[in-house]
Each structure stands twice: as structure tokens, then as C-alpha cells.
């Protein structure tokens, strides 16, 4: 999964105003009509997706919860931790 905060050049403590400002800057930078780079459309879509998630309170909360659980970074390690904790409590 993608790191939406990194796509916008922000950290997880960013406010909605920070998110909007970063989106406007990145969207202008990567808009395919303004940027001749062949990958500009891909970057623009990533920025748009990041903004769609982070600007919506419910989507952002769900995304942040998943990040905290480590599901984005290392799902296998997270699953191992969950199961080892579970089994250590029942044995």
C-alpha cells in the first residue's frame, strides 16, 4: 500500500489545511497538462488518491488505524505479533 502522507510530502500530524495546501502544490506540479514527464499522470493520480483519503475524516481515521497496526509496512510481522500475543495469553 502507498504512504499517502509521503505522497503529499507531509507527516501524520498534518492538519486539513496542510493537506489541502500540499495537494494544491503537488497537483499543480504533476498535472499532466503542465508536466511533460511521462510519469506525471501516475504521480498526479497518487496525489489525488492521497488527498481523497486524507481529506475525508472517516477515511483518514481508518487509514491511520491501519498504519498504526503496521498493516501497511509489514503485514507478516504484524500477524506474527498478534498470534504470538494471543497464544501467550491462552497458554
PDB file of N, CA and C in Angstrom:
ATOM      1  N   UNK A   1       0.831  -1.183   0.000  1.00  0.00           N
ATOM      2  CA  UNK A   1       0.000   0.000   0.000  1.00  0.00           C
ATOM      3  C   UNK A   1       0.876   1.248   0.000  1.00  0.00           C
ATOM      4  N   UNK A   2       0.298   2.300  -0.454  1.00  0.00           N
ATOM      5  CA  UNK A   2       1.026   3.553  -0.590  1.00  0.00           C
ATOM      6  C   UNK A   2       0.967   4.351   0.706  1.00  0.00           C
ATOM      7  N   UNK A   3       1.995   5.147   0.912  1.00  0.00           N
ATOM      8  CA  UNK A   3       2.013   6.064   2.047  1.00  0.00           C
ATOM      9  C   UNK A   3       1.456   7.390   1.551  1.00  0.00           C
ATOM     10  N   UNK A   4       0.206   7.646   1.900  1.00  0.00           N
ATOM     11  CA  UNK A   4      -0.460   8.856   1.412  1.00  0.00           C
ATOM     12  C   UNK A   4       0.183  10.128   1.957  1.00  0.00           C
ATOM     13  N   UNK A   5       0.679  10.064   3.174  1.00  0.00           N
ATOM     14  CA  UNK A   5       1.338  11.251   3.723  1.00  0.00           C
ATOM     15  C   UNK A   5       2.600  11.577   2.923  1.00  0.00           C
ATOM     16  N   UNK A   6       3.370  10.557   2.584  1.00  0.00           N
ATOM     17  CA  UNK A   6       4.590  10.778   1.801  1.00  0.00           C
ATOM     18  C   UNK A   6       4.255  11.292   0.402  1.00  0.00           C
ATOM     19  N   UNK A   7       3.148  10.827  -0.156  1.00  0.00           N
ATOM     20  CA  UNK A   7       2.741  11.298  -1.486  1.00  0.00           C
ATOM     21  C   UNK A   7       2.523  12.802  -1.501  1.00  0.00           C
ATOM     22  N   UNK A   8       2.059  13.330  -0.374  1.00  0.00           N
ATOM     23  CA  UNK A   8       1.819  14.770  -0.276  1.00  0.00           C
ATOM     24  C   UNK A   8       2.977  15.514   0.398  1.00  0.00           C
ATOM     25  N   UNK A   9       3.996  14.778   0.826  1.00  0.00           N
ATOM     26  CA  UNK A   9       5.139  15.405   1.482  1.00  0.00           C
ATOM     27  C   UNK A   9       4.821  15.890   2.882  1.00  0.00           C
ATOM     28  N   UNK A  10       3.962  15.152   3.592  1.00  0.00           N
ATOM     29  CA  UNK A  10       3.513  15.550   4.923  1.00  0.00           C
ATOM     30  C   UNK A  10       3.809  14.466   5.951  1.00  0.00           C
ATOM     31  N   UNK A  11       3.655  14.814   7.226  1.00  0.00           N
ATOM     32  CA  UNK A  11       3.696  13.795   8.263  1.00  0.00           C
ATOM     33  C   UNK A  11       2.280  13.572   8.787  1.00  0.00           C
ATOM     34  N   UNK A  12       2.121  12.583   9.640  1.00  0.00           N
ATOM     35  CA  UNK A  12       0.777  12.194  10.082  1.00  0.00           C
ATOM     36  C   UNK A  12       0.099  13.217  10.993  1.00  0.00           C
ATOM     37  N   UNK A  13       0.835  14.219  11.439  1.00  0.00           N
ATOM     38  CA  UNK A  13       0.248  15.257  12.293  1.00  0.00           C
ATOM     39  C   UNK A  13      -0.312  16.424  11.481  1.00  0.00           C
ATOM     40  N   UNK A  14      -0.310  16.302  10.170  1.00  0.00           N
ATOM     41  CA  UNK A  14      -0.752  17.397   9.301  1.00  0.00           C
ATOM     42  C   UNK A  14      -2.225  17.727   9.529  1.00  0.00           C
ATOM     43  N   UNK A  15      -2.519  19.009   9.475  1.00  0.00           N
ATOM     44  CA  UNK A  15      -3.911  19.464   9.609  1.00  0.00           C
ATOM     45  C   UNK A  15      -4.590  19.396   8.238  1.00  0.00           C
ATOM     46  N   UNK A  16      -5.899  19.568   8.236  1.00  0.00           N
ATOM     47  CA  UNK A  16      -6.635  19.577   6.981  1.00  0.00           C
ATOM     48  C   UNK A  16      -6.155  20.710   6.084  1.00  0.00           C
ATOM     49  N   UNK A  17      -5.842  21.850   6.672  1.00  0.00           N
ATOM     50  CA  UNK A  17      -5.315  22.977   5.886  1.00  0.00           C
ATOM     51  C   UNK A  17      -3.971  22.612   5.254  1.00  0.00           C
ATOM     52  N   UNK A  18      -3.112  21.913   6.002  1.00  0.00           N
ATOM     53  CA  UNK A  18      -1.827  21.461   5.462  1.00  0.00           C
ATOM     54  C   UNK A  18      -2.033  20.500   4.290  1.00  0.00           C
ATOM     55  N   UNK A  19      -2.997  19.601   4.445  1.00  0.00           N
ATOM     56  CA  UNK A  19      -3.288  18.610   3.408  1.00  0.00           C
ATOM     57  C   UNK A  19      -3.779  19.302   2.144  1.00  0.00           C
ATOM     58  N   UNK A  20      -4.682  20.255   2.294  1.00  0.00           N
ATOM     59  CA  UNK A  20      -5.201  20.981   1.131  1.00  0.00           C
ATOM     60  C   UNK A  20      -4.093  21.751   0.419  1.00  0.00           C
ATOM     61  N   UNK A  21      -3.252  22.416   1.193  1.00  0.00           N
ATOM     62  CA  UNK A  21      -2.165  23.200   0.606  1.00  0.00           C
ATOM     63  C   UNK A  21      -1.188  22.299  -0.144  1.00  0.00           C
ATOM     64  N   UNK A  22      -0.803  21.192   0.484  1.00  0.00           N
ATOM     65  CA  UNK A  22       0.131  20.265  -0.149  1.00  0.00           C
ATOM     66  C   UNK A  22      -0.481  19.655  -1.404  1.00  0.00           C
ATOM     67  N   UNK A  23      -1.766  19.344  -1.348  1.00  0.00           N
ATOM     68  CA  UNK A  23      -2.430  18.784  -2.526  1.00  0.00           C
ATOM     69  C   UNK A  23      -2.395  19.771  -3.680  1.00  0.00           C
ATOM     70  N   UNK A  24      -2.723  21.016  -3.416  1.00  0.00           N
ATOM     71  CA  UNK A  24      -2.730  22.018  -4.490  1.00  0.00           C
ATOM     72  C   UNK A  24      -1.347  22.154  -5.132  1.00  0.00           C
ATOM     73  N   UNK A  25      -0.320  22.163  -4.288  1.00  0.00           N
ATOM     74  CA  UNK A  25       1.043  22.304  -4.803  1.00  0.00           C
ATOM     75  C   UNK A  25       1.457  21.095  -5.631  1.00  0.00           C
ATOM     76  N   UNK A  26       1.211  19.906  -5.098  1.00  0.00           N
ATOM     77  CA  UNK A  26       1.604  18.685  -5.805  1.00  0.00           C
ATOM     78  C   UNK A  26       0.768  18.481  -7.064  1.00  0.00           C
ATOM     79  N   UNK A  27      -0.521  18.787  -6.997  1.00  0.00           N
ATOM     80  CA  UNK A  27      -1.380  18.631  -8.172  1.00  0.00           C
ATOM     81  C   UNK A  27      -0.917  19.559  -9.294  1.00  0.00           C
ATOM     82  N   UNK A  28      -0.540  20.774  -8.951  1.00  0.00           N
ATOM     83  CA  UNK A  28      -0.038  21.705  -9.961  1.00  0.00           C
ATOM     84  C   UNK A  28       1.297  21.215 -10.525  1.00  0.00           C
ATOM     85  N   UNK A  29       2.128  20.661  -9.657  1.00  0.00           N
ATOM     86  CA  UNK A  29       3.439  20.173 -10.085  1.00  0.00           C
ATOM     87  C   UNK A  29       3.323  18.978 -11.028  1.00  0.00           C
ATOM     88  N   UNK A  30       2.393  18.061 -10.744  1.00  0.00           N
ATOM     89  CA  UNK A  30       2.315  16.817 -11.502  1.00  0.00           C
ATOM     90  C   UNK A  30       1.154  16.748 -12.494  1.00  0.00           C
ATOM     91  N   UNK A  31       0.426  17.829 -12.662  1.00  0.00           N
ATOM     92  CA  UNK A  31      -0.689  17.782 -13.611  1.00  0.00           C
ATOM     93  C   UNK A  31      -0.148  17.489 -15.007  1.00  0.00           C
ATOM     94  N   UNK A  32      -0.724  16.490 -15.681  1.00  0.00           N
ATOM     95  CA  UNK A  32      -0.203  16.086 -16.999  1.00  0.00           C
ATOM     96  C   UNK A  32      -0.205  17.202 -18.048  1.00  0.00           C
ATOM     97  N   UNK A  33      -1.081  18.167 -17.902  1.00  0.00           N
ATOM     98  CA  UNK A  33      -1.099  19.278 -18.846  1.00  0.00           C
ATOM     99  C   UNK A  33       0.066  20.241 -18.637  1.00  0.00           C
ATOM    100  N   UNK A  34       0.642  20.232 -17.448  1.00  0.00           N
ATOM    101  CA  UNK A  34       1.733  21.149 -17.131  1.00  0.00           C
ATOM    102  C   UNK A  34       3.092  20.470 -17.082  1.00  0.00           C
ATOM    103  N   UNK A  35       3.105  19.163 -16.845  1.00  0.00           N
ATOM    104  CA  UNK A  35       4.350  18.445 -16.652  1.00  0.00           C
ATOM    105  C   UNK A  35       4.571  17.472 -17.809  1.00  0.00           C
ATOM    106  N   UNK A  36       5.647  17.634 -18.564  1.00  0.00           N
ATOM    107  CA  UNK A  36       5.879  16.769 -19.726  1.00  0.00           C
ATOM    108  C   UNK A  36       6.416  15.376 -19.366  1.00  0.00           C
ATOM    109  N   UNK A  37       6.754  15.145 -18.110  1.00  0.00           N
ATOM    110  CA  UNK A  37       7.262  13.842 -17.682  1.00  0.00           C
ATOM    111  C   UNK A  37       6.234  12.756 -18.017  1.00  0.00           C
ATOM    112  N   UNK A  38       6.655  11.652 -18.616  1.00  0.00           N
ATOM    113  CA  UNK A  38       5.701  10.590 -18.961  1.00  0.00           C
ATOM    114  C   UNK A  38       5.021   9.963 -17.739  1.00  0.00           C
ATOM    115  N   UNK A  39       5.637  10.099 -16.575  1.00  0.00           N
ATOM    116  CA  UNK A  39       5.050   9.557 -15.346  1.00  0.00           C
ATOM    117  C   UNK A  39       4.197  10.573 -14.592  1.00  0.00           C
ATOM    118  N   UNK A  40       4.033  11.742 -15.128  1.00  0.00           N
ATOM    119  CA  UNK A  40       3.294  12.804 -14.439  1.00  0.00           C
ATOM    120  C   UNK A  40       1.867  12.383 -14.123  1.00  0.00           C
ATOM    121  N   UNK A  41       1.201  11.707 -15.046  1.00  0.00           N
ATOM    122  CA  UNK A  41      -0.184  11.284 -14.805  1.00  0.00           C
ATOM    123  C   UNK A  41      -0.256  10.295 -13.646  1.00  0.00           C
ATOM    124  N   UNK A  42       0.719   9.393 -13.541  1.00  0.00           N
ATOM    125  CA  UNK A  42       0.769   8.437 -12.443  1.00  0.00           C
ATOM    126  C   UNK A  42       0.951   9.159 -11.117  1.00  0.00           C
ATOM    127  N   UNK A  43       1.889  10.096 -11.065  1.00  0.00           N
ATOM    128  CA  UNK A  43       2.114  10.862  -9.841  1.00  0.00           C
ATOM    129  C   UNK A  43       0.874  11.690  -9.478  1.00  0.00           C
ATOM    130  N   UNK A  44       0.248  12.251 -10.475  1.00  0.00           N
ATOM    131  CA  UNK A  44      -0.946  13.049 -10.238  1.00  0.00           C
ATOM    132  C   UNK A  44      -2.044  12.180  -9.612  1.00  0.00           C
ATOM    133  N   UNK A  45      -2.223  10.960 -10.122  1.00  0.00           N
ATOM    134  CA  UNK A  45      -3.240  10.053  -9.557  1.00  0.00           C
ATOM    135  C   UNK A  45      -2.910   9.678  -8.120  1.00  0.00           C
ATOM    136  N   UNK A  46      -1.625   9.470  -7.821  1.00  0.00           N
ATOM    137  CA  UNK A  46      -1.217   9.152  -6.449  1.00  0.00           C
ATOM    138  C   UNK A  46      -1.541  10.307  -5.509  1.00  0.00           C
ATOM    139  N   UNK A  47      -1.266  11.513  -5.959  1.00  0.00           N
ATOM    140  CA  UNK A  47      -1.551  12.699  -5.149  1.00  0.00           C
ATOM    141  C   UNK A  47      -3.060  12.842  -4.947  1.00  0.00           C
ATOM    142  N   UNK A  48      -3.837  12.609  -5.999  1.00  0.00           N
ATOM    143  CA  UNK A  48      -5.300  12.697  -5.908  1.00  0.00           C
ATOM    144  C   UNK A  48      -5.840  11.650  -4.938  1.00  0.00           C
ATOM    145  N   UNK A  49      -5.334  10.426  -5.025  1.00  0.00           N
ATOM    146  CA  UNK A  49      -5.778   9.360  -4.119  1.00  0.00           C
ATOM    147  C   UNK A  49      -5.435   9.707  -2.672  1.00  0.00           C
ATOM    148  N   UNK A  50      -4.233  10.213  -2.456  1.00  0.00           N
ATOM    149  CA  UNK A  50      -3.820  10.601  -1.109  1.00  0.00           C
ATOM    150  C   UNK A  50      -4.740  11.683  -0.560  1.00  0.00           C
ATOM    151  N   UNK A  51      -5.059  12.663  -1.381  1.00  0.00           N
ATOM    152  CA  UNK A  51      -5.943  13.738  -0.943  1.00  0.00           C
ATOM    153  C   UNK A  51      -7.346  13.206  -0.644  1.00  0.00           C
ATOM    154  N   UNK A  52      -7.849  12.315  -1.496  1.00  0.00           N
ATOM    155  CA  UNK A  52      -9.187  11.750  -1.278  1.00  0.00           C
ATOM    156  C   UNK A  52      -9.284  11.045   0.065  1.00  0.00           C
ATOM    157  N   UNK A  53      -8.238  10.331   0.449  1.00  0.00           N
ATOM    158  CA  UNK A  53      -8.249   9.608   1.724  1.00  0.00           C
ATOM    159  C   UNK A  53      -8.030  10.553   2.897  1.00  0.00           C
ATOM    160  N   UNK A  54      -7.029  11.395   2.809  1.00  0.00           N
ATOM    161  CA  UNK A  54      -6.646  12.214   3.961  1.00  0.00           C
ATOM    162  C   UNK A  54      -7.572  13.395   4.210  1.00  0.00           C
ATOM    163  N   UNK A  55      -8.314  13.827   3.211  1.00  0.00           N
ATOM    164  CA  UNK A  55      -9.215  14.963   3.416  1.00  0.00           C
ATOM    165  C   UNK A  55     -10.565  14.536   3.979  1.00  0.00           C
ATOM    166  N   UNK A  56     -10.870  13.246   3.953  1.00  0.00           N
ATOM    167  CA  UNK A  56     -12.116  12.721   4.497  1.00  0.00           C
ATOM    168  C   UNK A  56     -11.835  12.179   5.903  1.00  0.00           C
ATOM    169  N   UNK A  57     -12.525  12.711   6.899  1.00  0.00           N
ATOM    170  CA  UNK A  57     -12.252  12.370   8.295  1.00  0.00           C
ATOM    171  C   UNK A  57     -12.345  10.877   8.561  1.00  0.00           C
ATOM    172  N   UNK A  58     -13.382  10.227   8.088  1.00  0.00           N
ATOM    173  CA  UNK A  58     -13.561   8.797   8.336  1.00  0.00           C
ATOM    174  C   UNK A  58     -12.508   7.959   7.618  1.00  0.00           C
ATOM    175  N   UNK A  59     -12.239   8.283   6.366  1.00  0.00           N
ATOM    176  CA  UNK A  59     -11.230   7.537   5.609  1.00  0.00           C
ATOM    177  C   UNK A  59      -9.845   7.723   6.222  1.00  0.00           C
ATOM    178  N   UNK A  60      -9.569   8.947   6.669  1.00  0.00           N
ATOM    179  CA  UNK A  60      -8.265   9.207   7.269  1.00  0.00           C
ATOM    180  C   UNK A  60      -8.111   8.439   8.571  1.00  0.00           C
ATOM    181  N   UNK A  61      -9.163   8.386   9.372  1.00  0.00           N
ATOM    182  CA  UNK A  61      -9.103   7.647  10.633  1.00  0.00           C
ATOM    183  C   UNK A  61      -8.834   6.165  10.378  1.00  0.00           C
ATOM    184  N   UNK A  62      -9.532   5.583   9.401  1.00  0.00           N
ATOM    185  CA  UNK A  62      -9.326   4.173   9.062  1.00  0.00           C
ATOM    186  C   UNK A  62      -7.901   3.943   8.546  1.00  0.00           C
ATOM    187  N   UNK A  63      -7.424   4.845   7.712  1.00  0.00           N
ATOM    188  CA  UNK A  63      -6.067   4.742   7.171  1.00  0.00           C
ATOM    189  C   UNK A  63      -5.037   4.838   8.295  1.00  0.00           C
ATOM    190  N   UNK A  64      -5.203   5.804   9.191  1.00  0.00           N
ATOM    191  CA  UNK A  64      -4.277   5.966  10.313  1.00  0.00           C
ATOM    192  C   UNK A  64      -4.307   4.750  11.234  1.00  0.00           C
ATOM    193  N   UNK A  65      -5.480   4.188  11.474  1.00  0.00           N
ATOM    194  CA  UNK A  65      -5.589   2.989  12.305  1.00  0.00           C
ATOM    195  C   UNK A  65      -4.808   1.833  11.681  1.00  0.00           C
ATOM    196  N   UNK A  66      -4.930   1.660  10.372  1.00  0.00           N
ATOM    197  CA  UNK A  66      -4.187   0.600   9.692  1.00  0.00           C
ATOM    198  C   UNK A  66      -2.684   0.846   9.753  1.00  0.00           C
ATOM    199  N   UNK A  67      -2.279   2.084   9.624  1.00  0.00           N
ATOM    200  CA  UNK A  67      -0.848   2.404   9.716  1.00  0.00           C
ATOM    201  C   UNK A  67      -0.325   2.094  11.107  1.00  0.00           C
ATOM    202  N   UNK A  68      -1.099   2.425  12.118  1.00  0.00           N
ATOM    203  CA  UNK A  68      -0.664   2.156  13.489  1.00  0.00           C
ATOM    204  C   UNK A  68      -0.520   0.666  13.753  1.00  0.00           C
ATOM    205  N   UNK A  69      -1.360  -0.098  13.162  1.00  0.00           N
ATOM    206  CA  UNK A  69      -1.287  -1.549  13.338  1.00  0.00           C
ATOM    207  C   UNK A  69      -0.135  -2.158  12.560  1.00  0.00           C
ATOM    208  N   UNK A  70       0.463  -1.402  11.696  1.00  0.00           N
ATOM    209  CA  UNK A  70       1.584  -1.891  10.924  1.00  0.00           C
ATOM    210  C   UNK A  70       1.184  -2.685   9.700  1.00  0.00           C
ATOM    211  N   UNK A  71      -0.079  -2.653   9.341  1.00  0.00           N
ATOM    212  CA  UNK A  71      -0.535  -3.445   8.211  1.00  0.00           C
ATOM    213  C   UNK A  71       0.029  -2.946   6.887  1.00  0.00           C
ATOM    214  N   UNK A  72       0.378  -1.680   6.819  1.00  0.00           N
ATOM    215  CA  UNK A  72       0.932  -1.150   5.575  1.00  0.00           C
ATOM    216  C   UNK A  72       2.411  -1.491   5.419  1.00  0.00           C
ATOM    217  N   UNK A  73       3.114  -1.546   6.519  1.00  0.00           N
ATOM    218  CA  UNK A  73       4.551  -1.727   6.450  1.00  0.00           C
ATOM    219  C   UNK A  73       4.975  -3.196   6.437  1.00  0.00           C
ATOM    220  N   UNK A  74       4.401  -3.984   7.331  1.00  0.00           N
ATOM    221  CA  UNK A  74       4.851  -5.370   7.458  1.00  0.00           C
ATOM    222  C   UNK A  74       3.705  -6.260   7.929  1.00  0.00           C
ATOM    223  N   UNK A  75       2.825  -6.664   7.037  1.00  0.00           N
ATOM    224  CA  UNK A  75       1.672  -7.449   7.454  1.00  0.00           C
ATOM    225  C   UNK A  75       2.046  -8.805   8.042  1.00  0.00           C
ATOM    226  N   UNK A  76       3.094  -9.441   7.546  1.00  0.00           N
ATOM    227  CA  UNK A  76       3.504 -10.751   8.063  1.00  0.00           C
ATOM    228  C   UNK A  76       3.997 -10.618   9.503  1.00  0.00           C
ATOM    229  N   UNK A  77       4.851  -9.627   9.754  1.00  0.00           N
ATOM    230  CA  UNK A  77       5.349  -9.421  11.119  1.00  0.00           C
ATOM    231  C   UNK A  77       4.221  -9.043  12.069  1.00  0.00           C
ATOM    232  N   UNK A  78       3.295  -8.229  11.601  1.00  0.00           N
ATOM    233  CA  UNK A  78       2.161  -7.848  12.427  1.00  0.00           C
ATOM    234  C   UNK A  78       1.319  -9.068  12.770  1.00  0.00           C
ATOM    235  N   UNK A  79       1.055  -9.914  11.791  1.00  0.00           N
ATOM    236  CA  UNK A  79       0.274 -11.132  12.039  1.00  0.00           C
ATOM    237  C   UNK A  79       0.985 -12.037  13.036  1.00  0.00           C
ATOM    238  N   UNK A  80       2.298 -12.186  12.905  1.00  0.00           N
ATOM    239  CA  UNK A  80       3.062 -13.000  13.860  1.00  0.00           C
ATOM    240  C   UNK A  80       2.953 -12.432  15.272  1.00  0.00           C
ATOM    241  N   UNK A  81       3.072 -11.121  15.404  1.00  0.00           N
ATOM    242  CA  UNK A  81       2.956 -10.485  16.719  1.00  0.00           C
ATOM    243  C   UNK A  81       1.580 -10.711  17.330  1.00  0.00           C
ATOM    244  N   UNK A  82       0.554 -10.575  16.523  1.00  0.00           N
ATOM    245  CA  UNK A  82      -0.812 -10.768  17.020  1.00  0.00           C
ATOM    246  C   UNK A  82      -0.991 -12.197  17.510  1.00  0.00           C
ATOM    247  N   UNK A  83      -0.583 -13.162  16.695  1.00  0.00           N
ATOM    248  CA  UNK A  83      -0.762 -14.565  17.072  1.00  0.00           C
ATOM    249  C   UNK A  83       0.094 -14.957  18.268  1.00  0.00           C
ATOM    250  N   UNK A  84       1.332 -14.483  18.329  1.00  0.00           N
ATOM    251  CA  UNK A  84       2.171 -14.842  19.483  1.00  0.00           C
ATOM    252  C   UNK A  84       1.626 -14.229  20.765  1.00  0.00           C
ATOM    253  N   UNK A  85       1.108 -13.025  20.699  1.00  0.00           N
ATOM    254  CA  UNK A  85       0.474 -12.413  21.863  1.00  0.00           C
ATOM    255  C   UNK A  85      -0.762 -13.192  22.268  1.00  0.00           C
ATOM    256  N   UNK A  86      -1.557 -13.571  21.298  1.00  0.00           N
ATOM    257  CA  UNK A  86      -2.782 -14.336  21.569  1.00  0.00           C
ATOM    258  C   UNK A  86      -2.448 -15.658  22.241  1.00  0.00           C
ATOM    259  N   UNK A  87      -1.499 -16.414  21.660  1.00  0.00           N
ATOM    260  CA  UNK A  87      -1.171 -17.720  22.219  1.00  0.00           C
ATOM    261  C   UNK A  87      -0.498 -17.615  23.571  1.00  0.00           C
ATOM    262  N   UNK A  88       0.285 -16.580  23.814  1.00  0.00           N
ATOM    263  CA  UNK A  88       0.936 -16.422  25.118  1.00  0.00           C
ATOM    264  C   UNK A  88      -0.091 -16.146  26.210  1.00  0.00           C
ATOM    265  N   UNK A  89      -1.213 -15.580  25.851  1.00  0.00           N
ATOM    266  CA  UNK A  89      -2.256 -15.288  26.841  1.00  0.00           C
ATOM    267  C   UNK A  89      -3.143 -16.490  27.134  1.00  0.00           C
ATOM    268  N   UNK A  90      -3.290 -17.386  26.151  1.00  0.00           N
ATOM    269  CA  UNK A  90      -4.182 -18.532  26.402  1.00  0.00           C
ATOM    270  C   UNK A  90      -3.443 -19.744  26.929  1.00  0.00           C
ATOM    271  N   UNK A  91      -2.105 -19.783  26.869  1.00  0.00           N
ATOM    272  CA  UNK A  91      -1.347 -20.930  27.357  1.00  0.00           C
ATOM    273  C   UNK A  91      -0.915 -20.776  28.767  1.00  0.00           C
TER     274      UNK A  91
END
